[in-house]
Amino acid sequence: LVGHAQMVAAVMLMQRIATSHHVAFVVCNHTSGKRSADSAEDSSPALGQTWPFLNCVSLSLRRLDDTRWSVTVRKSNKSRVGASALFSVTERGIEDAPSAPATDAC
C-alpha cells in the first residue's frame, strides 16, 4: 500500500501544479516483461496496476515510420476515445504529419 499511496500523492501534486501553472505532465508507462519459450511476451505496465485509474487522459503512441507517429486517445473525460491524429518529429520539432509518407518525385 505504500507504493500505491506514494503514486496517489504524486498524481495529486501533479494535478495541483498543472491547474495552478497551466501545464501538462507526460508520464510514460512502458510495459516490462520477458519473452517466454513460445515467443509470446508476458508484459505488465511498469507503473503497476494502479496507474490506469489515476490519470485523467491516456494516449497511445505508435511509430509509423522514421518521422511519423500516430497518437490515439485511450481514456479522456473531454475528448472522444478512439480519436487519433498523425504528427511528425523533425529537426524543427513536432509538426502535423501528412497522411501518407512522402515519396520522391521522378
PDB file of N, CA and C in Angstrom:
ATOM      1  N   LEU A   1       0.825  -1.206   0.000  1.00  0.00           N
ATOM      2  CA  LEU A   1       0.000   0.000   0.000  1.00  0.00           C
ATOM      3  C   LEU A   1       0.858   1.254   0.000  1.00  0.00           C
ATOM      4  N   VAL A   2       2.100   1.144   0.448  1.00  0.00           N
ATOM      5  CA  VAL A   2       2.984   2.301   0.463  1.00  0.00           C
ATOM      6  C   VAL A   2       3.204   2.809  -0.952  1.00  0.00           C
ATOM      7  N   GLY A   3       3.478   1.913  -1.912  1.00  0.00           N
ATOM      8  CA  GLY A   3       3.678   2.307  -3.298  1.00  0.00           C
ATOM      9  C   GLY A   3       2.444   2.967  -3.878  1.00  0.00           C
ATOM     10  N   HIS A   4       1.267   2.413  -3.581  1.00  0.00           N
ATOM     11  CA  HIS A   4       0.004   2.981  -4.053  1.00  0.00           C
ATOM     12  C   HIS A   4      -0.195   4.382  -3.469  1.00  0.00           C
ATOM     13  N   ALA A   5       0.039   4.542  -2.194  1.00  0.00           N
ATOM     14  CA  ALA A   5      -0.140   5.850  -1.547  1.00  0.00           C
ATOM     15  C   ALA A   5       0.828   6.882  -2.117  1.00  0.00           C
ATOM     16  N   GLN A   6       2.057   6.480  -2.398  1.00  0.00           N
ATOM     17  CA  GLN A   6       3.023   7.398  -2.989  1.00  0.00           C
ATOM     18  C   GLN A   6       2.597   7.816  -4.393  1.00  0.00           C
ATOM     19  N   MET A   7       2.051   6.881  -5.167  1.00  0.00           N
ATOM     20  CA  MET A   7       1.605   7.203  -6.515  1.00  0.00           C
ATOM     21  C   MET A   7       0.416   8.161  -6.477  1.00  0.00           C
ATOM     22  N   VAL A   8      -0.519   7.927  -5.576  1.00  0.00           N
ATOM     23  CA  VAL A   8      -1.670   8.822  -5.432  1.00  0.00           C
ATOM     24  C   VAL A   8      -1.200  10.221  -5.022  1.00  0.00           C
ATOM     25  N   ALA A   9      -0.263  10.312  -4.099  1.00  0.00           N
ATOM     26  CA  ALA A   9       0.257  11.617  -3.667  1.00  0.00           C
ATOM     27  C   ALA A   9       0.948  12.330  -4.823  1.00  0.00           C
ATOM     28  N   ALA A  10       1.713  11.586  -5.638  1.00  0.00           N
ATOM     29  CA  ALA A  10       2.389  12.196  -6.789  1.00  0.00           C
ATOM     30  C   ALA A  10       1.377  12.722  -7.799  1.00  0.00           C
ATOM     31  N   VAL A  11       0.320  11.966  -8.050  1.00  0.00           N
ATOM     32  CA  VAL A  11      -0.718  12.402  -9.001  1.00  0.00           C
ATOM     33  C   VAL A  11      -1.427  13.650  -8.484  1.00  0.00           C
ATOM     34  N   MET A  12      -1.732  13.686  -7.211  1.00  0.00           N
ATOM     35  CA  MET A  12      -2.397  14.863  -6.641  1.00  0.00           C
ATOM     36  C   MET A  12      -1.509  16.098  -6.757  1.00  0.00           C
ATOM     37  N   LEU A  13      -0.213  15.939  -6.522  1.00  0.00           N
ATOM     38  CA  LEU A  13       0.727  17.052  -6.665  1.00  0.00           C
ATOM     39  C   LEU A  13       0.788  17.518  -8.126  1.00  0.00           C
ATOM     40  N   MET A  14       0.868  16.581  -9.059  1.00  0.00           N
ATOM     41  CA  MET A  14       0.894  16.949 -10.477  1.00  0.00           C
ATOM     42  C   MET A  14      -0.387  17.682 -10.878  1.00  0.00           C
ATOM     43  N   GLN A  15      -1.535  17.248 -10.357  1.00  0.00           N
ATOM     44  CA  GLN A  15      -2.801  17.920 -10.676  1.00  0.00           C
ATOM     45  C   GLN A  15      -2.815  19.348 -10.139  1.00  0.00           C
ATOM     46  N   ARG A  16      -2.308  19.562  -8.921  1.00  0.00           N
ATOM     47  CA  ARG A  16      -2.250  20.917  -8.367  1.00  0.00           C
ATOM     48  C   ARG A  16      -1.324  21.816  -9.192  1.00  0.00           C
ATOM     49  N   ILE A  17      -0.164  21.297  -9.544  1.00  0.00           N
ATOM     50  CA  ILE A  17       0.783  22.081 -10.351  1.00  0.00           C
ATOM     51  C   ILE A  17       0.192  22.371 -11.721  1.00  0.00           C
ATOM     52  N   ALA A  18      -0.415  21.373 -12.350  1.00  0.00           N
ATOM     53  CA  ALA A  18      -1.000  21.555 -13.685  1.00  0.00           C
ATOM     54  C   ALA A  18      -2.092  22.612 -13.665  1.00  0.00           C
ATOM     55  N   THR A  19      -2.925  22.596 -12.646  1.00  0.00           N
ATOM     56  CA  THR A  19      -4.022  23.553 -12.545  1.00  0.00           C
ATOM     57  C   THR A  19      -3.516  24.958 -12.273  1.00  0.00           C
ATOM     58  N   SER A  20      -2.586  25.104 -11.358  1.00  0.00           N
ATOM     59  CA  SER A  20      -2.140  26.443 -10.984  1.00  0.00           C
ATOM     60  C   SER A  20      -1.183  27.067 -11.993  1.00  0.00           C
ATOM     61  N   HIS A  21      -0.450  26.253 -12.746  1.00  0.00           N
ATOM     62  CA  HIS A  21       0.535  26.792 -13.690  1.00  0.00           C
ATOM     63  C   HIS A  21       0.175  26.556 -15.158  1.00  0.00           C
ATOM     64  N   HIS A  22      -0.989  25.951 -15.404  1.00  0.00           N
ATOM     65  CA  HIS A  22      -1.467  25.688 -16.773  1.00  0.00           C
ATOM     66  C   HIS A  22      -0.447  24.910 -17.587  1.00  0.00           C
ATOM     67  N   VAL A  23       0.018  23.809 -17.026  1.00  0.00           N
ATOM     68  CA  VAL A  23       0.965  22.935 -17.707  1.00  0.00           C
ATOM     69  C   VAL A  23       0.399  21.519 -17.733  1.00  0.00           C
ATOM     70  N   ALA A  24       0.985  20.684 -18.549  1.00  0.00           N
ATOM     71  CA  ALA A  24       0.594  19.277 -18.614  1.00  0.00           C
ATOM     72  C   ALA A  24       1.789  18.407 -18.258  1.00  0.00           C
ATOM     73  N   PHE A  25       1.513  17.275 -17.699  1.00  0.00           N
ATOM     74  CA  PHE A  25       2.551  16.290 -17.396  1.00  0.00           C
ATOM     75  C   PHE A  25       2.395  15.125 -18.347  1.00  0.00           C
ATOM     76  N   VAL A  26       3.495  14.624 -18.815  1.00  0.00           N
ATOM     77  CA  VAL A  26       3.506  13.418 -19.629  1.00  0.00           C
ATOM     78  C   VAL A  26       4.262  12.358 -18.845  1.00  0.00           C
ATOM     79  N   VAL A  27       3.576  11.278 -18.537  1.00  0.00           N
ATOM     80  CA  VAL A  27       4.187  10.171 -17.808  1.00  0.00           C
ATOM     81  C   VAL A  27       4.118   8.954 -18.709  1.00  0.00           C
ATOM     82  N   CYS A  28       5.250   8.369 -18.976  1.00  0.00           N
ATOM     83  CA  CYS A  28       5.311   7.181 -19.828  1.00  0.00           C
ATOM     84  C   CYS A  28       5.197   5.944 -18.957  1.00  0.00           C
ATOM     85  N   ASN A  29       4.240   5.106 -19.270  1.00  0.00           N
ATOM     86  CA  ASN A  29       4.036   3.862 -18.536  1.00  0.00           C
ATOM     87  C   ASN A  29       4.415   2.707 -19.451  1.00  0.00           C
ATOM     88  N   HIS A  30       5.705   2.566 -19.690  1.00  0.00           N
ATOM     89  CA  HIS A  30       6.183   1.496 -20.559  1.00  0.00           C
ATOM     90  C   HIS A  30       5.804   0.148 -19.977  1.00  0.00           C
ATOM     91  N   THR A  31       5.680  -0.839 -20.838  1.00  0.00           N
ATOM     92  CA  THR A  31       5.439  -2.182 -20.332  1.00  0.00           C
ATOM     93  C   THR A  31       6.777  -2.877 -20.143  1.00  0.00           C
ATOM     94  N   SER A  32       6.819  -3.723 -19.159  1.00  0.00           N
ATOM     95  CA  SER A  32       8.026  -4.501 -18.910  1.00  0.00           C
ATOM     96  C   SER A  32       7.625  -5.962 -18.882  1.00  0.00           C
ATOM     97  N   GLY A  33       8.523  -6.784 -19.250  1.00  0.00           N
ATOM     98  CA  GLY A  33       8.196  -8.203 -19.253  1.00  0.00           C
ATOM     99  C   GLY A  33       9.327  -9.034 -19.792  1.00  0.00           C
ATOM    100  N   LYS A  34       9.033 -10.279 -20.003  1.00  0.00           N
ATOM    101  CA  LYS A  34      10.034 -11.202 -20.522  1.00  0.00           C
ATOM    102  C   LYS A  34       9.384 -12.080 -21.580  1.00  0.00           C
ATOM    103  N   ARG A  35      10.200 -12.561 -22.468  1.00  0.00           N
ATOM    104  CA  ARG A  35       9.711 -13.469 -23.508  1.00  0.00           C
ATOM    105  C   ARG A  35       9.723 -14.894 -22.960  1.00  0.00           C
ATOM    106  N   SER A  36       8.661 -15.598 -23.251  1.00  0.00           N
ATOM    107  CA  SER A  36       8.603 -16.991 -22.831  1.00  0.00           C
ATOM    108  C   SER A  36       9.112 -17.889 -23.956  1.00  0.00           C
ATOM    109  N   ALA A  37       9.145 -19.164 -23.736  1.00  0.00           N
ATOM    110  CA  ALA A  37       9.694 -20.108 -24.703  1.00  0.00           C
ATOM    111  C   ALA A  37       8.951 -20.081 -26.033  1.00  0.00           C
ATOM    112  N   ASP A  38       7.665 -19.803 -26.020  1.00  0.00           N
ATOM    113  CA  ASP A  38       6.894 -19.790 -27.272  1.00  0.00           C
ATOM    114  C   ASP A  38       6.888 -18.416 -27.935  1.00  0.00           C
ATOM    115  N   SER A  39       7.803 -17.540 -27.556  1.00  0.00           N
ATOM    116  CA  SER A  39       7.979 -16.187 -28.120  1.00  0.00           C
ATOM    117  C   SER A  39       6.863 -15.225 -27.770  1.00  0.00           C
ATOM    118  N   ALA A  40       5.905 -15.660 -26.989  1.00  0.00           N
ATOM    119  CA  ALA A  40       4.866 -14.731 -26.536  1.00  0.00           C
ATOM    120  C   ALA A  40       5.463 -13.869 -25.438  1.00  0.00           C
ATOM    121  N   GLU A  41       5.068 -12.616 -25.394  1.00  0.00           N
ATOM    122  CA  GLU A  41       5.641 -11.728 -24.387  1.00  0.00           C
ATOM    123  C   GLU A  41       4.643 -11.537 -23.261  1.00  0.00           C
ATOM    124  N   ASP A  42       5.082 -11.842 -22.060  1.00  0.00           N
ATOM    125  CA  ASP A  42       4.292 -11.573 -20.865  1.00  0.00           C
ATOM    126  C   ASP A  42       4.682 -10.185 -20.405  1.00  0.00           C
ATOM    127  N   SER A  43       3.755  -9.237 -20.503  1.00  0.00           N
ATOM    128  CA  SER A  43       4.122  -7.870 -20.137  1.00  0.00           C
ATOM    129  C   SER A  43       3.120  -7.307 -19.145  1.00  0.00           C
ATOM    130  N   SER A  44       3.598  -6.339 -18.404  1.00  0.00           N
ATOM    131  CA  SER A  44       2.737  -5.620 -17.478  1.00  0.00           C
ATOM    132  C   SER A  44       3.222  -4.178 -17.431  1.00  0.00           C
ATOM    133  N   PRO A  45       2.311  -3.250 -17.108  1.00  0.00           N
ATOM    134  CA  PRO A  45       2.723  -1.847 -17.055  1.00  0.00           C
ATOM    135  C   PRO A  45       3.776  -1.627 -15.972  1.00  0.00           C
ATOM    136  N   ALA A  46       4.800  -0.851 -16.306  1.00  0.00           N
ATOM    137  CA  ALA A  46       5.892  -0.617 -15.365  1.00  0.00           C
ATOM    138  C   ALA A  46       5.433   0.114 -14.103  1.00  0.00           C
ATOM    139  N   LEU A  47       4.404   0.948 -14.225  1.00  0.00           N
ATOM    140  CA  LEU A  47       3.902   1.675 -13.053  1.00  0.00           C
ATOM    141  C   LEU A  47       2.850   0.886 -12.285  1.00  0.00           C
ATOM    142  N   GLY A  48       2.650  -0.357 -12.660  1.00  0.00           N
ATOM    143  CA  GLY A  48       1.737  -1.225 -11.935  1.00  0.00           C
ATOM    144  C   GLY A  48       0.285  -1.078 -12.363  1.00  0.00           C
ATOM    145  N   GLN A  49      -0.570  -1.761 -11.647  1.00  0.00           N
ATOM    146  CA  GLN A  49      -1.997  -1.801 -11.983  1.00  0.00           C
ATOM    147  C   GLN A  49      -2.768  -0.593 -11.474  1.00  0.00           C
ATOM    148  N   THR A  50      -2.184   0.216 -10.601  1.00  0.00           N
ATOM    149  CA  THR A  50      -2.869   1.382 -10.043  1.00  0.00           C
ATOM    150  C   THR A  50      -2.936   2.538 -11.024  1.00  0.00           C
ATOM    151  N   TRP A  51      -1.879   2.754 -11.797  1.00  0.00           N
ATOM    152  CA  TRP A  51      -1.759   3.944 -12.633  1.00  0.00           C
ATOM    153  C   TRP A  51      -2.947   4.184 -13.557  1.00  0.00           C
ATOM    154  N   PRO A  52      -3.466   3.173 -14.271  1.00  0.00           N
ATOM    155  CA  PRO A  52      -4.570   3.450 -15.202  1.00  0.00           C
ATOM    156  C   PRO A  52      -5.797   4.095 -14.543  1.00  0.00           C
ATOM    157  N   PHE A  53      -5.953   3.940 -13.254  1.00  0.00           N
ATOM    158  CA  PHE A  53      -7.123   4.504 -12.567  1.00  0.00           C
ATOM    159  C   PHE A  53      -6.869   5.918 -12.042  1.00  0.00           C
ATOM    160  N   LEU A  54      -5.622   6.398 -12.098  1.00  0.00           N
ATOM    161  CA  LEU A  54      -5.287   7.691 -11.514  1.00  0.00           C
ATOM    162  C   LEU A  54      -5.207   8.830 -12.525  1.00  0.00           C
ATOM    163  N   ASN A  55      -4.931   8.527 -13.774  1.00  0.00           N
ATOM    164  CA  ASN A  55      -4.747   9.607 -14.740  1.00  0.00           C
ATOM    165  C   ASN A  55      -6.082  10.062 -15.330  1.00  0.00           C
ATOM    166  N   CYS A  56      -6.083  11.268 -15.881  1.00  0.00           N
ATOM    167  CA  CYS A  56      -7.293  11.832 -16.486  1.00  0.00           C
ATOM    168  C   CYS A  56      -7.355  11.535 -17.979  1.00  0.00           C
ATOM    169  N   VAL A  57      -6.210  11.508 -18.606  1.00  0.00           N
ATOM    170  CA  VAL A  57      -6.123  11.271 -20.041  1.00  0.00           C
ATOM    171  C   VAL A  57      -5.055  10.221 -20.288  1.00  0.00           C
ATOM    172  N   SER A  58      -5.363   9.286 -21.167  1.00  0.00           N
ATOM    173  CA  SER A  58      -4.396   8.276 -21.551  1.00  0.00           C
ATOM    174  C   SER A  58      -4.284   8.278 -23.068  1.00  0.00           C
ATOM    175  N   LEU A  59      -3.066   8.413 -23.570  1.00  0.00           N
ATOM    176  CA  LEU A  59      -2.806   8.439 -25.001  1.00  0.00           C
ATOM    177  C   LEU A  59      -1.898   7.269 -25.356  1.00  0.00           C
ATOM    178  N   SER A  60      -2.117   6.724 -26.525  1.00  0.00           N
ATOM    179  CA  SER A  60      -1.267   5.655 -27.029  1.00  0.00           C
ATOM    180  C   SER A  60      -0.486   6.184 -28.223  1.00  0.00           C
ATOM    181  N   LEU A  61       0.840   6.041 -28.194  1.00  0.00           N
ATOM    182  CA  LEU A  61       1.700   6.492 -29.286  1.00  0.00           C
ATOM    183  C   LEU A  61       2.175   5.284 -30.072  1.00  0.00           C
ATOM    184  N   ARG A  62       2.163   5.426 -31.409  1.00  0.00           N
ATOM    185  CA  ARG A  62       2.629   4.342 -32.274  1.00  0.00           C
ATOM    186  C   ARG A  62       3.497   4.931 -33.372  1.00  0.00           C
ATOM    187  N   ARG A  63       4.705   4.417 -33.520  1.00  0.00           N
ATOM    188  CA  ARG A  63       5.614   4.886 -34.569  1.00  0.00           C
ATOM    189  C   ARG A  63       5.201   4.236 -35.892  1.00  0.00           C
ATOM    190  N   LEU A  64       5.006   5.083 -36.919  1.00  0.00           N
ATOM    191  CA  LEU A  64       4.613   4.590 -38.233  1.00  0.00           C
ATOM    192  C   LEU A  64       5.803   4.401 -39.163  1.00  0.00           C
ATOM    193  N   ASP A  65       6.763   5.303 -39.080  1.00  0.00           N
ATOM    194  CA  ASP A  65       7.993   5.205 -39.872  1.00  0.00           C
ATOM    195  C   ASP A  65       9.055   6.057 -39.194  1.00  0.00           C
ATOM    196  N   ASP A  66      10.069   6.469 -39.919  1.00  0.00           N
ATOM    197  CA  ASP A  66      11.191   7.187 -39.304  1.00  0.00           C
ATOM    198  C   ASP A  66      10.794   8.478 -38.611  1.00  0.00           C
ATOM    199  N   THR A  67       9.820   9.209 -39.156  1.00  0.00           N
ATOM    200  CA  THR A  67       9.451  10.501 -38.554  1.00  0.00           C
ATOM    201  C   THR A  67       7.988  10.591 -38.161  1.00  0.00           C
ATOM    202  N   ARG A  68       7.125   9.751 -38.728  1.00  0.00           N
ATOM    203  CA  ARG A  68       5.683   9.882 -38.468  1.00  0.00           C
ATOM    204  C   ARG A  68       5.228   9.006 -37.306  1.00  0.00           C
ATOM    205  N   TRP A  69       4.348   9.576 -36.515  1.00  0.00           N
ATOM    206  CA  TRP A  69       3.761   8.897 -35.365  1.00  0.00           C
ATOM    207  C   TRP A  69       2.247   9.062 -35.397  1.00  0.00           C
ATOM    208  N   SER A  70       1.557   8.160 -34.721  1.00  0.00           N
ATOM    209  CA  SER A  70       0.113   8.253 -34.537  1.00  0.00           C
ATOM    210  C   SER A  70      -0.148   8.326 -33.035  1.00  0.00           C
ATOM    211  N   VAL A  71      -1.066   9.201 -32.650  1.00  0.00           N
ATOM    212  CA  VAL A  71      -1.474   9.281 -31.251  1.00  0.00           C
ATOM    213  C   VAL A  71      -2.976   9.013 -31.195  1.00  0.00           C
ATOM    214  N   THR A  72      -3.401   8.162 -30.273  1.00  0.00           N
ATOM    215  CA  THR A  72      -4.810   7.786 -30.135  1.00  0.00           C
ATOM    216  C   THR A  72      -5.247   7.988 -28.688  1.00  0.00           C
ATOM    217  N   VAL A  73      -6.421   8.579 -28.510  1.00  0.00           N
ATOM    218  CA  VAL A  73      -6.982   8.788 -27.167  1.00  0.00           C
ATOM    219  C   VAL A  73      -7.512   7.448 -26.661  1.00  0.00           C
ATOM    220  N   ARG A  74      -6.987   6.991 -25.532  1.00  0.00           N
ATOM    221  CA  ARG A  74      -7.435   5.733 -24.928  1.00  0.00           C
ATOM    222  C   ARG A  74      -8.388   5.981 -23.768  1.00  0.00           C
ATOM    223  N   LYS A  75      -8.216   7.138 -23.094  1.00  0.00           N
ATOM    224  CA  LYS A  75      -9.076   7.485 -21.958  1.00  0.00           C
ATOM    225  C   LYS A  75      -9.108   8.996 -21.855  1.00  0.00           C
ATOM    226  N   SER A  76     -10.297   9.575 -21.709  1.00  0.00           N
ATOM    227  CA  SER A  76     -10.407  11.024 -21.548  1.00  0.00           C
ATOM    228  C   SER A  76     -11.814  11.379 -21.106  1.00  0.00           C
ATOM    229  N   ASN A  77     -11.909  12.445 -20.318  1.00  0.00           N
ATOM    230  CA  ASN A  77     -13.229  12.948 -19.952  1.00  0.00           C
ATOM    231  C   ASN A  77     -13.597  14.157 -20.812  1.00  0.00           C
ATOM    232  N   LYS A  78     -12.733  14.564 -21.740  1.00  0.00           N
ATOM    233  CA  LYS A  78     -13.000  15.726 -22.591  1.00  0.00           C
ATOM    234  C   LYS A  78     -12.901  15.439 -24.080  1.00  0.00           C
ATOM    235  N   SER A  79     -12.181  14.406 -24.478  1.00  0.00           N
ATOM    236  CA  SER A  79     -12.003  14.077 -25.888  1.00  0.00           C
ATOM    237  C   SER A  79     -12.628  12.719 -26.178  1.00  0.00           C
ATOM    238  N   ARG A  80     -12.970  12.511 -27.448  1.00  0.00           N
ATOM    239  CA  ARG A  80     -13.589  11.251 -27.853  1.00  0.00           C
ATOM    240  C   ARG A  80     -12.561  10.123 -27.809  1.00  0.00           C
ATOM    241  N   VAL A  81     -12.860   9.084 -27.069  1.00  0.00           N
ATOM    242  CA  VAL A  81     -11.988   7.920 -27.011  1.00  0.00           C
ATOM    243  C   VAL A  81     -11.929   7.307 -28.406  1.00  0.00           C
ATOM    244  N   GLY A  82     -10.747   7.005 -28.865  1.00  0.00           N
ATOM    245  CA  GLY A  82     -10.548   6.464 -30.202  1.00  0.00           C
ATOM    246  C   GLY A  82     -10.132   7.512 -31.215  1.00  0.00           C
ATOM    247  N   ALA A  83     -10.283   8.802 -30.872  1.00  0.00           N
ATOM    248  CA  ALA A  83      -9.838   9.867 -31.780  1.00  0.00           C
ATOM    249  C   ALA A  83      -8.332   9.752 -31.948  1.00  0.00           C
ATOM    250  N   SER A  84      -7.854  10.025 -33.159  1.00  0.00           N
ATOM    251  CA  SER A  84      -6.419   9.905 -33.388  1.00  0.00           C
ATOM    252  C   SER A  84      -5.928  11.017 -34.304  1.00  0.00           C
ATOM    253  N   ALA A  85      -4.642  11.201 -34.308  1.00  0.00           N
ATOM    254  CA  ALA A  85      -4.011  12.215 -35.147  1.00  0.00           C
ATOM    255  C   ALA A  85      -2.617  11.742 -35.511  1.00  0.00           C
ATOM    256  N   LEU A  86      -2.121  12.255 -36.621  1.00  0.00           N
ATOM    257  CA  LEU A  86      -0.759  11.968 -37.050  1.00  0.00           C
ATOM    258  C   LEU A  86       0.118  13.171 -36.770  1.00  0.00           C
ATOM    259  N   PHE A  87       1.369  12.922 -36.425  1.00  0.00           N
ATOM    260  CA  PHE A  87       2.319  14.013 -36.253  1.00  0.00           C
ATOM    261  C   PHE A  87       3.696  13.517 -36.641  1.00  0.00           C
ATOM    262  N   SER A  88       4.555  14.463 -36.927  1.00  0.00           N
ATOM    263  CA  SER A  88       5.942  14.149 -37.278  1.00  0.00           C
ATOM    264  C   SER A  88       6.869  14.782 -36.267  1.00  0.00           C
ATOM    265  N   VAL A  89       7.950  14.098 -35.989  1.00  0.00           N
ATOM    266  CA  VAL A  89       9.009  14.648 -35.147  1.00  0.00           C
ATOM    267  C   VAL A  89      10.196  14.889 -36.073  1.00  0.00           C
ATOM    268  N   THR A  90      10.540  16.172 -36.250  1.00  0.00           N
ATOM    269  CA  THR A  90      11.623  16.541 -37.165  1.00  0.00           C
ATOM    270  C   THR A  90      12.635  17.408 -36.426  1.00  0.00           C
ATOM    271  N   GLU A  91      13.625  17.877 -37.170  1.00  0.00           N
ATOM    272  CA  GLU A  91      14.606  18.782 -36.568  1.00  0.00           C
ATOM    273  C   GLU A  91      13.960  20.051 -36.058  1.00  0.00           C
ATOM    274  N   ARG A  92      12.822  20.430 -36.655  1.00  0.00           N
ATOM    275  CA  ARG A  92      12.127  21.656 -36.261  1.00  0.00           C
ATOM    276  C   ARG A  92      11.200  21.446 -35.065  1.00  0.00           C
ATOM    277  N   GLY A  93      11.001  20.203 -34.667  1.00  0.00           N
ATOM    278  CA  GLY A  93      10.111  19.919 -33.548  1.00  0.00           C
ATOM    279  C   GLY A  93       8.958  19.032 -33.976  1.00  0.00           C
ATOM    280  N   ILE A  94       7.814  19.201 -33.329  1.00  0.00           N
ATOM    281  CA  ILE A  94       6.618  18.400 -33.631  1.00  0.00           C
ATOM    282  C   ILE A  94       5.750  19.181 -34.602  1.00  0.00           C
ATOM    283  N   GLU A  95       5.329  18.505 -35.683  1.00  0.00           N
ATOM    284  CA  GLU A  95       4.528  19.138 -36.728  1.00  0.00           C
ATOM    285  C   GLU A  95       3.395  18.208 -37.142  1.00  0.00           C
ATOM    286  N   ASP A  96       2.366  18.779 -37.782  1.00  0.00           N
ATOM    287  CA  ASP A  96       1.338  17.944 -38.403  1.00  0.00           C
ATOM    288  C   ASP A  96       2.006  17.064 -39.438  1.00  0.00           C
ATOM    289  N   ALA A  97       1.559  15.832 -39.541  1.00  0.00           N
ATOM    290  CA  ALA A  97       2.165  14.905 -40.496  1.00  0.00           C
ATOM    291  C   ALA A  97       1.243  14.706 -41.685  1.00  0.00           C
ATOM    292  N   PRO A  98       1.814  14.495 -42.856  1.00  0.00           N
ATOM    293  CA  PRO A  98       0.973  14.117 -43.993  1.00  0.00           C
ATOM    294  C   PRO A  98       0.384  12.738 -43.735  1.00  0.00           C
ATOM    295  N   SER A  99      -0.766  12.439 -44.333  1.00  0.00           N
ATOM    296  CA  SER A  99      -1.417  11.159 -44.073  1.00  0.00           C
ATOM    297  C   SER A  99      -0.674   9.983 -44.698  1.00  0.00           C
ATOM    298  N   ALA A 100       0.149  10.253 -45.701  1.00  0.00           N
ATOM    299  CA  ALA A 100       0.951   9.181 -46.307  1.00  0.00           C
ATOM    300  C   ALA A 100       2.406   9.627 -46.309  1.00  0.00           C
ATOM    301  N   PRO A 101       3.325   8.686 -46.236  1.00  0.00           N
ATOM    302  CA  PRO A 101       4.738   9.083 -46.244  1.00  0.00           C
ATOM    303  C   PRO A 101       5.085   9.773 -47.550  1.00  0.00           C
ATOM    304  N   ALA A 102       5.986  10.740 -47.473  1.00  0.00           N
ATOM    305  CA  ALA A 102       6.411  11.479 -48.658  1.00  0.00           C
ATOM    306  C   ALA A 102       7.191  10.552 -49.579  1.00  0.00           C
ATOM    307  N   THR A 103       6.989  10.731 -50.880  1.00  0.00           N
ATOM    308  CA  THR A 103       7.742   9.961 -51.856  1.00  0.00           C
ATOM    309  C   THR A 103       8.508  10.915 -52.740  1.00  0.00           C
ATOM    310  N   ASP A 104       9.632  10.457 -53.243  1.00  0.00           N
ATOM    311  CA  ASP A 104      10.432  11.286 -54.135  1.00  0.00           C
ATOM    312  C   ASP A 104       9.779  11.342 -55.501  1.00  0.00           C
ATOM    313  N   ALA A 105       9.639  12.528 -56.059  1.00  0.00           N
ATOM    314  CA  ALA A 105       9.077  12.666 -57.394  1.00  0.00           C
ATOM    315  C   ALA A 105      10.167  12.360 -58.421  1.00  0.00           C
ATOM    316  N   CYS A 106       9.797  11.631 -59.456  1.00  0.00           N
ATOM    317  CA  CYS A 106      10.771  11.279 -60.502  1.00  0.00           C
ATOM    318  C   CYS A 106      10.611  12.177 -61.699  1.00  0.00           C
TER     319      CYS A 106
END
